[in-house]
Amino acid sequence: MSEKSKSERLSETITLLKKLPTAGVPETTYAYCRVKTLMSKWVKDGLPASETIDFVTHWGVLTLPVVEGKTPSLELKSK
């Protein structure tokens, strides 16, 4: 499988960041800013990443794949 292009990574980042406020994660929170920072880095360098983020009421595991056909995910789990 080929790697994702920068434009694919950017499009997926925009989509996920737009969904966070509708899921109850305001843009002003640490969790939102951390997701945005990690995804911005992923768009620029294209390296896979995974990190657990504290969303206060949940833990979120952000996974950023580089293989085409796999989308980034943010899995939230209750504390």
PDB file of N, CA and C in Angstrom:
ATOM      1  N   MET A   1       0.827  -1.170   0.000  1.00  0.00           N
ATOM      2  CA  MET A   1       0.000   0.000   0.000  1.00  0.00           C
ATOM      3  C   MET A   1       0.883   1.250   0.000  1.00  0.00           C
ATOM      4  N   SER A   2       0.418   2.277  -0.660  1.00  0.00           N
ATOM      5  CA  SER A   2       1.195   3.506  -0.713  1.00  0.00           C
ATOM      6  C   SER A   2       0.869   4.405   0.478  1.00  0.00           C
ATOM      7  N   GLU A   3       1.759   5.373   0.695  1.00  0.00           N
ATOM      8  CA  GLU A   3       1.571   6.284   1.812  1.00  0.00           C
ATOM      9  C   GLU A   3       0.607   7.404   1.437  1.00  0.00           C
ATOM     10  N   LYS A   4      -0.019   7.973   2.447  1.00  0.00           N
ATOM     11  CA  LYS A   4      -0.951   9.086   2.249  1.00  0.00           C
ATOM     12  C   LYS A   4      -0.195  10.313   1.766  1.00  0.00           C
ATOM     13  N   SER A   5      -0.843  11.071   0.904  1.00  0.00           N
ATOM     14  CA  SER A   5      -0.248  12.327   0.464  1.00  0.00           C
ATOM     15  C   SER A   5      -0.481  13.387   1.538  1.00  0.00           C
ATOM     16  N   LYS A   6       0.255  14.466   1.454  1.00  0.00           N
ATOM     17  CA  LYS A   6       0.093  15.562   2.405  1.00  0.00           C
ATOM     18  C   LYS A   6      -1.323  16.126   2.316  1.00  0.00           C
ATOM     19  N   SER A   7      -1.877  16.221   1.107  1.00  0.00           N
ATOM     20  CA  SER A   7      -3.237  16.765   0.957  1.00  0.00           C
ATOM     21  C   SER A   7      -4.270  15.834   1.591  1.00  0.00           C
ATOM     22  N   GLU A   8      -4.060  14.521   1.535  1.00  0.00           N
ATOM     23  CA  GLU A   8      -4.966  13.573   2.204  1.00  0.00           C
ATOM     24  C   GLU A   8      -4.901  13.756   3.723  1.00  0.00           C
ATOM     25  N   ARG A   9      -3.680  13.878   4.239  1.00  0.00           N
ATOM     26  CA  ARG A   9      -3.514  14.059   5.682  1.00  0.00           C
ATOM     27  C   ARG A   9      -4.164  15.368   6.141  1.00  0.00           C
ATOM     28  N   LEU A  10      -4.017  16.427   5.354  1.00  0.00           N
ATOM     29  CA  LEU A  10      -4.611  17.713   5.696  1.00  0.00           C
ATOM     30  C   LEU A  10      -6.135  17.623   5.689  1.00  0.00           C
ATOM     31  N   SER A  11      -6.688  16.999   4.684  1.00  0.00           N
ATOM     32  CA  SER A  11      -8.142  16.849   4.587  1.00  0.00           C
ATOM     33  C   SER A  11      -8.691  16.061   5.773  1.00  0.00           C
ATOM     34  N   GLU A  12      -8.027  14.979   6.142  1.00  0.00           N
ATOM     35  CA  GLU A  12      -8.465  14.157   7.270  1.00  0.00           C
ATOM     36  C   GLU A  12      -8.326  14.912   8.591  1.00  0.00           C
ATOM     37  N   THR A  13      -7.300  15.739   8.707  1.00  0.00           N
ATOM     38  CA  THR A  13      -7.106  16.550   9.907  1.00  0.00           C
ATOM     39  C   THR A  13      -8.240  17.554  10.064  1.00  0.00           C
ATOM     40  N   ILE A  14      -8.569  18.247   8.989  1.00  0.00           N
ATOM     41  CA  ILE A  14      -9.649  19.234   9.027  1.00  0.00           C
ATOM     42  C   ILE A  14     -10.961  18.566   9.415  1.00  0.00           C
ATOM     43  N   THR A  15     -11.241  17.412   8.832  1.00  0.00           N
ATOM     44  CA  THR A  15     -12.478  16.685   9.141  1.00  0.00           C
ATOM     45  C   THR A  15     -12.557  16.324  10.613  1.00  0.00           C
ATOM     46  N   LEU A  16     -11.489  15.765  11.168  1.00  0.00           N
ATOM     47  CA  LEU A  16     -11.509  15.351  12.574  1.00  0.00           C
ATOM     48  C   LEU A  16     -11.615  16.554  13.498  1.00  0.00           C
ATOM     49  N   LEU A  17     -10.875  17.621  13.212  1.00  0.00           N
ATOM     50  CA  LEU A  17     -10.922  18.800  14.075  1.00  0.00           C
ATOM     51  C   LEU A  17     -12.291  19.469  14.058  1.00  0.00           C
ATOM     52  N   LYS A  18     -12.995  19.418  12.944  1.00  0.00           N
ATOM     53  CA  LYS A  18     -14.342  19.978  12.876  1.00  0.00           C
ATOM     54  C   LYS A  18     -15.336  19.158  13.694  1.00  0.00           C
ATOM     55  N   LYS A  19     -15.089  17.867  13.839  1.00  0.00           N
ATOM     56  CA  LYS A  19     -15.999  16.992  14.573  1.00  0.00           C
ATOM     57  C   LYS A  19     -15.837  17.103  16.089  1.00  0.00           C
ATOM     58  N   LEU A  20     -14.660  17.477  16.549  1.00  0.00           N
ATOM     59  CA  LEU A  20     -14.422  17.532  17.994  1.00  0.00           C
ATOM     60  C   LEU A  20     -15.386  18.466  18.731  1.00  0.00           C
ATOM     61  N   PRO A  21     -15.606  19.710  18.285  1.00  0.00           N
ATOM     62  CA  PRO A  21     -16.557  20.569  19.006  1.00  0.00           C
ATOM     63  C   PRO A  21     -17.981  19.998  19.032  1.00  0.00           C
ATOM     64  N   THR A  22     -18.392  19.327  17.982  1.00  0.00           N
ATOM     65  CA  THR A  22     -19.732  18.731  17.969  1.00  0.00           C
ATOM     66  C   THR A  22     -19.811  17.527  18.907  1.00  0.00           C
ATOM     67  N   ALA A  23     -18.649  16.985  19.270  1.00  0.00           N
ATOM     68  CA  ALA A  23     -18.610  15.863  20.219  1.00  0.00           C
ATOM     69  C   ALA A  23     -18.396  16.358  21.648  1.00  0.00           C
ATOM     70  N   GLY A  24     -18.443  17.682  21.828  1.00  0.00           N
ATOM     71  CA  GLY A  24     -18.323  18.229  23.175  1.00  0.00           C
ATOM     72  C   GLY A  24     -16.917  18.594  23.597  1.00  0.00           C
ATOM     73  N   VAL A  25     -16.003  18.730  22.637  1.00  0.00           N
ATOM     74  CA  VAL A  25     -14.622  19.113  22.948  1.00  0.00           C
ATOM     75  C   VAL A  25     -14.390  20.517  22.380  1.00  0.00           C
ATOM     76  N   PRO A  26     -14.551  21.564  23.203  1.00  0.00           N
ATOM     77  CA  PRO A  26     -14.371  22.931  22.720  1.00  0.00           C
ATOM     78  C   PRO A  26     -12.947  23.196  22.225  1.00  0.00           C
ATOM     79  N   GLU A  27     -12.839  24.097  21.276  1.00  0.00           N
ATOM     80  CA  GLU A  27     -11.545  24.434  20.691  1.00  0.00           C
ATOM     81  C   GLU A  27     -10.580  25.054  21.698  1.00  0.00           C
ATOM     82  N   THR A  28     -11.088  25.524  22.811  1.00  0.00           N
ATOM     83  CA  THR A  28     -10.250  26.186  23.813  1.00  0.00           C
ATOM     84  C   THR A  28      -9.666  25.225  24.843  1.00  0.00           C
ATOM     85  N   THR A  29      -9.978  23.935  24.761  1.00  0.00           N
ATOM     86  CA  THR A  29      -9.493  22.974  25.758  1.00  0.00           C
ATOM     87  C   THR A  29      -8.093  22.460  25.412  1.00  0.00           C
ATOM     88  N   TYR A  30      -7.412  21.985  26.443  1.00  0.00           N
ATOM     89  CA  TYR A  30      -6.100  21.378  26.250  1.00  0.00           C
ATOM     90  C   TYR A  30      -6.179  20.210  25.269  1.00  0.00           C
ATOM     91  N   ALA A  31      -7.196  19.372  25.425  1.00  0.00           N
ATOM     92  CA  ALA A  31      -7.319  18.172  24.588  1.00  0.00           C
ATOM     93  C   ALA A  31      -7.428  18.547  23.111  1.00  0.00           C
ATOM     94  N   TYR A  32      -8.261  19.517  22.785  1.00  0.00           N
ATOM     95  CA  TYR A  32      -8.410  19.952  21.394  1.00  0.00           C
ATOM     96  C   TYR A  32      -7.079  20.483  20.861  1.00  0.00           C
ATOM     97  N   CYS A  33      -6.432  21.330  21.642  1.00  0.00           N
ATOM     98  CA  CYS A  33      -5.156  21.908  21.216  1.00  0.00           C
ATOM     99  C   CYS A  33      -4.090  20.834  21.018  1.00  0.00           C
ATOM    100  N   ARG A  34      -4.098  19.817  21.885  1.00  0.00           N
ATOM    101  CA  ARG A  34      -3.112  18.727  21.763  1.00  0.00           C
ATOM    102  C   ARG A  34      -3.368  17.921  20.490  1.00  0.00           C
ATOM    103  N   VAL A  35      -4.640  17.614  20.218  1.00  0.00           N
ATOM    104  CA  VAL A  35      -4.988  16.890  18.993  1.00  0.00           C
ATOM    105  C   VAL A  35      -4.552  17.711  17.777  1.00  0.00           C
ATOM    106  N   LYS A  36      -4.845  18.994  17.801  1.00  0.00           N
ATOM    107  CA  LYS A  36      -4.495  19.873  16.675  1.00  0.00           C
ATOM    108  C   LYS A  36      -2.979  19.918  16.467  1.00  0.00           C
ATOM    109  N   THR A  37      -2.233  20.020  17.555  1.00  0.00           N
ATOM    110  CA  THR A  37      -0.767  20.050  17.467  1.00  0.00           C
ATOM    111  C   THR A  37      -0.220  18.759  16.864  1.00  0.00           C
ATOM    112  N   LEU A  38      -0.704  17.630  17.366  1.00  0.00           N
ATOM    113  CA  LEU A  38      -0.226  16.332  16.862  1.00  0.00           C
ATOM    114  C   LEU A  38      -0.594  16.130  15.394  1.00  0.00           C
ATOM    115  N   MET A  39      -1.803  16.531  15.038  1.00  0.00           N
ATOM    116  CA  MET A  39      -2.239  16.341  13.657  1.00  0.00           C
ATOM    117  C   MET A  39      -1.507  17.297  12.710  1.00  0.00           C
ATOM    118  N   SER A  40      -1.205  18.504  13.160  1.00  0.00           N
ATOM    119  CA  SER A  40      -0.444  19.448  12.339  1.00  0.00           C
ATOM    120  C   SER A  40       0.952  18.896  12.052  1.00  0.00           C
ATOM    121  N   LYS A  41       1.558  18.329  13.084  1.00  0.00           N
ATOM    122  CA  LYS A  41       2.882  17.707  12.908  1.00  0.00           C
ATOM    123  C   LYS A  41       2.777  16.542  11.924  1.00  0.00           C
ATOM    124  N   TRP A  42       1.724  15.734  12.045  1.00  0.00           N
ATOM    125  CA  TRP A  42       1.503  14.584  11.166  1.00  0.00           C
ATOM    126  C   TRP A  42       1.328  15.036   9.718  1.00  0.00           C
ATOM    127  N   VAL A  43       0.603  16.133   9.508  1.00  0.00           N
ATOM    128  CA  VAL A  43       0.422  16.655   8.147  1.00  0.00           C
ATOM    129  C   VAL A  43       1.779  17.026   7.567  1.00  0.00           C
ATOM    130  N   LYS A  44       2.631  17.663   8.364  1.00  0.00           N
ATOM    131  CA  LYS A  44       3.928  18.141   7.879  1.00  0.00           C
ATOM    132  C   LYS A  44       4.926  17.018   7.646  1.00  0.00           C
ATOM    133  N   ASP A  45       5.059  16.097   8.625  1.00  0.00           N
ATOM    134  CA  ASP A  45       6.123  15.089   8.509  1.00  0.00           C
ATOM    135  C   ASP A  45       5.664  13.742   7.960  1.00  0.00           C
ATOM    136  N   GLY A  46       4.367  13.458   8.025  1.00  0.00           N
ATOM    137  CA  GLY A  46       3.852  12.209   7.466  1.00  0.00           C
ATOM    138  C   GLY A  46       4.214  10.953   8.237  1.00  0.00           C
ATOM    139  N   LEU A  47       4.703  11.109   9.465  1.00  0.00           N
ATOM    140  CA  LEU A  47       5.092   9.940  10.260  1.00  0.00           C
ATOM    141  C   LEU A  47       3.899   9.438  11.080  1.00  0.00           C
ATOM    142  N   PRO A  48       3.763   8.124  11.221  1.00  0.00           N
ATOM    143  CA  PRO A  48       2.660   7.594  12.022  1.00  0.00           C
ATOM    144  C   PRO A  48       2.843   8.000  13.481  1.00  0.00           C
ATOM    145  N   ALA A  49       1.739   8.131  14.191  1.00  0.00           N
ATOM    146  CA  ALA A  49       1.804   8.516  15.599  1.00  0.00           C
ATOM    147  C   ALA A  49       0.606   7.956  16.334  1.00  0.00           C
ATOM    148  N   SER A  50       0.771   7.802  17.630  1.00  0.00           N
ATOM    149  CA  SER A  50      -0.321   7.392  18.499  1.00  0.00           C
ATOM    150  C   SER A  50      -0.036   7.973  19.872  1.00  0.00           C
ATOM    151  N   GLU A  51      -1.045   8.587  20.480  1.00  0.00           N
ATOM    152  CA  GLU A  51      -0.854   9.185  21.798  1.00  0.00           C
ATOM    153  C   GLU A  51      -2.157   9.142  22.579  1.00  0.00           C
ATOM    154  N   THR A  52      -2.037   8.911  23.876  1.00  0.00           N
ATOM    155  CA  THR A  52      -3.194   8.968  24.765  1.00  0.00           C
ATOM    156  C   THR A  52      -3.301  10.385  25.296  1.00  0.00           C
ATOM    157  N   ILE A  53      -4.503  10.954  25.200  1.00  0.00           N
ATOM    158  CA  ILE A  53      -4.742  12.343  25.591  1.00  0.00           C
ATOM    159  C   ILE A  53      -5.821  12.380  26.666  1.00  0.00           C
ATOM    160  N   ASP A  54      -5.619  13.205  27.694  1.00  0.00           N
ATOM    161  CA  ASP A  54      -6.582  13.362  28.782  1.00  0.00           C
ATOM    162  C   ASP A  54      -7.645  14.380  28.369  1.00  0.00           C
ATOM    163  N   PHE A  55      -8.894  13.923  28.213  1.00  0.00           N
ATOM    164  CA  PHE A  55     -10.016  14.773  27.848  1.00  0.00           C
ATOM    165  C   PHE A  55     -10.864  15.115  29.072  1.00  0.00           C
ATOM    166  N   VAL A  56     -10.293  15.097  30.249  1.00  0.00           N
ATOM    167  CA  VAL A  56     -10.912  15.371  31.547  1.00  0.00           C
ATOM    168  C   VAL A  56     -11.899  14.273  31.939  1.00  0.00           C
ATOM    169  N   THR A  57     -12.966  14.070  31.175  1.00  0.00           N
ATOM    170  CA  THR A  57     -13.943  13.028  31.523  1.00  0.00           C
ATOM    171  C   THR A  57     -13.674  11.716  30.795  1.00  0.00           C
ATOM    172  N   HIS A  58     -12.777  11.749  29.837  1.00  0.00           N
ATOM    173  CA  HIS A  58     -12.443  10.575  29.029  1.00  0.00           C
ATOM    174  C   HIS A  58     -10.940  10.555  28.760  1.00  0.00           C
ATOM    175  N   TRP A  59     -10.469   9.386  28.359  1.00  0.00           N
ATOM    176  CA  TRP A  59      -9.143   9.263  27.779  1.00  0.00           C
ATOM    177  C   TRP A  59      -9.356   9.103  26.292  1.00  0.00           C
ATOM    178  N   GLY A  60      -8.551   9.759  25.504  1.00  0.00           N
ATOM    179  CA  GLY A  60      -8.659   9.620  24.065  1.00  0.00           C
ATOM    180  C   GLY A  60      -7.358   9.084  23.506  1.00  0.00           C
ATOM    181  N   VAL A  61      -7.463   8.105  22.620  1.00  0.00           N
ATOM    182  CA  VAL A  61      -6.277   7.574  21.958  1.00  0.00           C
ATOM    183  C   VAL A  61      -6.340   8.022  20.507  1.00  0.00           C
ATOM    184  N   LEU A  62      -5.429   8.920  20.145  1.00  0.00           N
ATOM    185  CA  LEU A  62      -5.348   9.448  18.791  1.00  0.00           C
ATOM    186  C   LEU A  62      -4.362   8.596  18.012  1.00  0.00           C
ATOM    187  N   THR A  63      -4.804   8.049  16.887  1.00  0.00           N
ATOM    188  CA  THR A  63      -3.947   7.233  16.037  1.00  0.00           C
ATOM    189  C   THR A  63      -3.893   7.865  14.657  1.00  0.00           C
ATOM    190  N   LEU A  64      -2.675   8.137  14.186  1.00  0.00           N
ATOM    191  CA  LEU A  64      -2.466   8.789  12.903  1.00  0.00           C
ATOM    192  C   LEU A  64      -1.683   7.857  11.983  1.00  0.00           C
ATOM    193  N   PRO A  65      -2.376   7.178  11.073  1.00  0.00           N
ATOM    194  CA  PRO A  65      -1.709   6.236  10.171  1.00  0.00           C
ATOM    195  C   PRO A  65      -1.122   6.946   8.954  1.00  0.00           C
ATOM    196  N   VAL A  66      -0.199   6.289   8.282  1.00  0.00           N
ATOM    197  CA  VAL A  66       0.378   6.866   7.070  1.00  0.00           C
ATOM    198  C   VAL A  66       0.030   6.062   5.826  1.00  0.00           C
ATOM    199  N   VAL A  67      -0.586   4.922   6.002  1.00  0.00           N
ATOM    200  CA  VAL A  67      -0.915   4.061   4.876  1.00  0.00           C
ATOM    201  C   VAL A  67      -2.225   4.507   4.248  1.00  0.00           C
ATOM    202  N   GLU A  68      -2.233   4.621   2.939  1.00  0.00           N
ATOM    203  CA  GLU A  68      -3.435   5.004   2.215  1.00  0.00           C
ATOM    204  C   GLU A  68      -4.561   4.019   2.509  1.00  0.00           C
ATOM    205  N   GLY A  69      -5.770   4.532   2.692  1.00  0.00           N
ATOM    206  CA  GLY A  69      -6.916   3.683   2.975  1.00  0.00           C
ATOM    207  C   GLY A  69      -7.225   3.552   4.459  1.00  0.00           C
ATOM    208  N   LYS A  70      -6.306   3.971   5.317  1.00  0.00           N
ATOM    209  CA  LYS A  70      -6.538   3.951   6.766  1.00  0.00           C
ATOM    210  C   LYS A  70      -6.717   5.391   7.220  1.00  0.00           C
ATOM    211  N   THR A  71      -7.763   5.647   7.994  1.00  0.00           N
ATOM    212  CA  THR A  71      -8.046   7.010   8.426  1.00  0.00           C
ATOM    213  C   THR A  71      -7.607   7.226   9.857  1.00  0.00           C
ATOM    214  N   PRO A  72      -7.330   8.476  10.211  1.00  0.00           N
ATOM    215  CA  PRO A  72      -6.984   8.771  11.599  1.00  0.00           C
ATOM    216  C   PRO A  72      -8.187   8.450  12.490  1.00  0.00           C
ATOM    217  N   SER A  73      -7.897   8.102  13.713  1.00  0.00           N
ATOM    218  CA  SER A  73      -9.003   7.801  14.635  1.00  0.00           C
ATOM    219  C   SER A  73      -8.739   8.419  15.990  1.00  0.00           C
ATOM    220  N   LEU A  74      -9.808   8.724  16.674  1.00  0.00           N
ATOM    221  CA  LEU A  74      -9.738   9.205  18.037  1.00  0.00           C
ATOM    222  C   LEU A  74     -10.753   8.406  18.827  1.00  0.00           C
ATOM    223  N   GLU A  75     -10.257   7.445  19.580  1.00  0.00           N
ATOM    224  CA  GLU A  75     -11.114   6.557  20.360  1.00  0.00           C
ATOM    225  C   GLU A  75     -11.204   7.084  21.784  1.00  0.00           C
ATOM    226  N   LEU A  76     -12.413   7.423  22.224  1.00  0.00           N
ATOM    227  CA  LEU A  76     -12.611   7.936  23.573  1.00  0.00           C
ATOM    228  C   LEU A  76     -13.079   6.829  24.501  1.00  0.00           C
ATOM    229  N   LYS A  77     -12.483   6.789  25.693  1.00  0.00           N
ATOM    230  CA  LYS A  77     -12.857   5.795  26.700  1.00  0.00           C
ATOM    231  C   LYS A  77     -13.136   6.521  28.008  1.00  0.00           C
ATOM    232  N   SER A  78     -14.167   6.111  28.704  1.00  0.00           N
ATOM    233  CA  SER A  78     -14.493   6.706  30.001  1.00  0.00           C
ATOM    234  C   SER A  78     -13.393   6.429  31.006  1.00  0.00           C
ATOM    235  N   LYS A  79     -13.223   7.381  31.920  1.00  0.00           N
ATOM    236  CA  LYS A  79     -12.223   7.199  32.988  1.00  0.00           C
ATOM    237  C   LYS A  79     -12.807   6.365  34.092  1.00  0.00           C
TER     238      LYS A  79
END
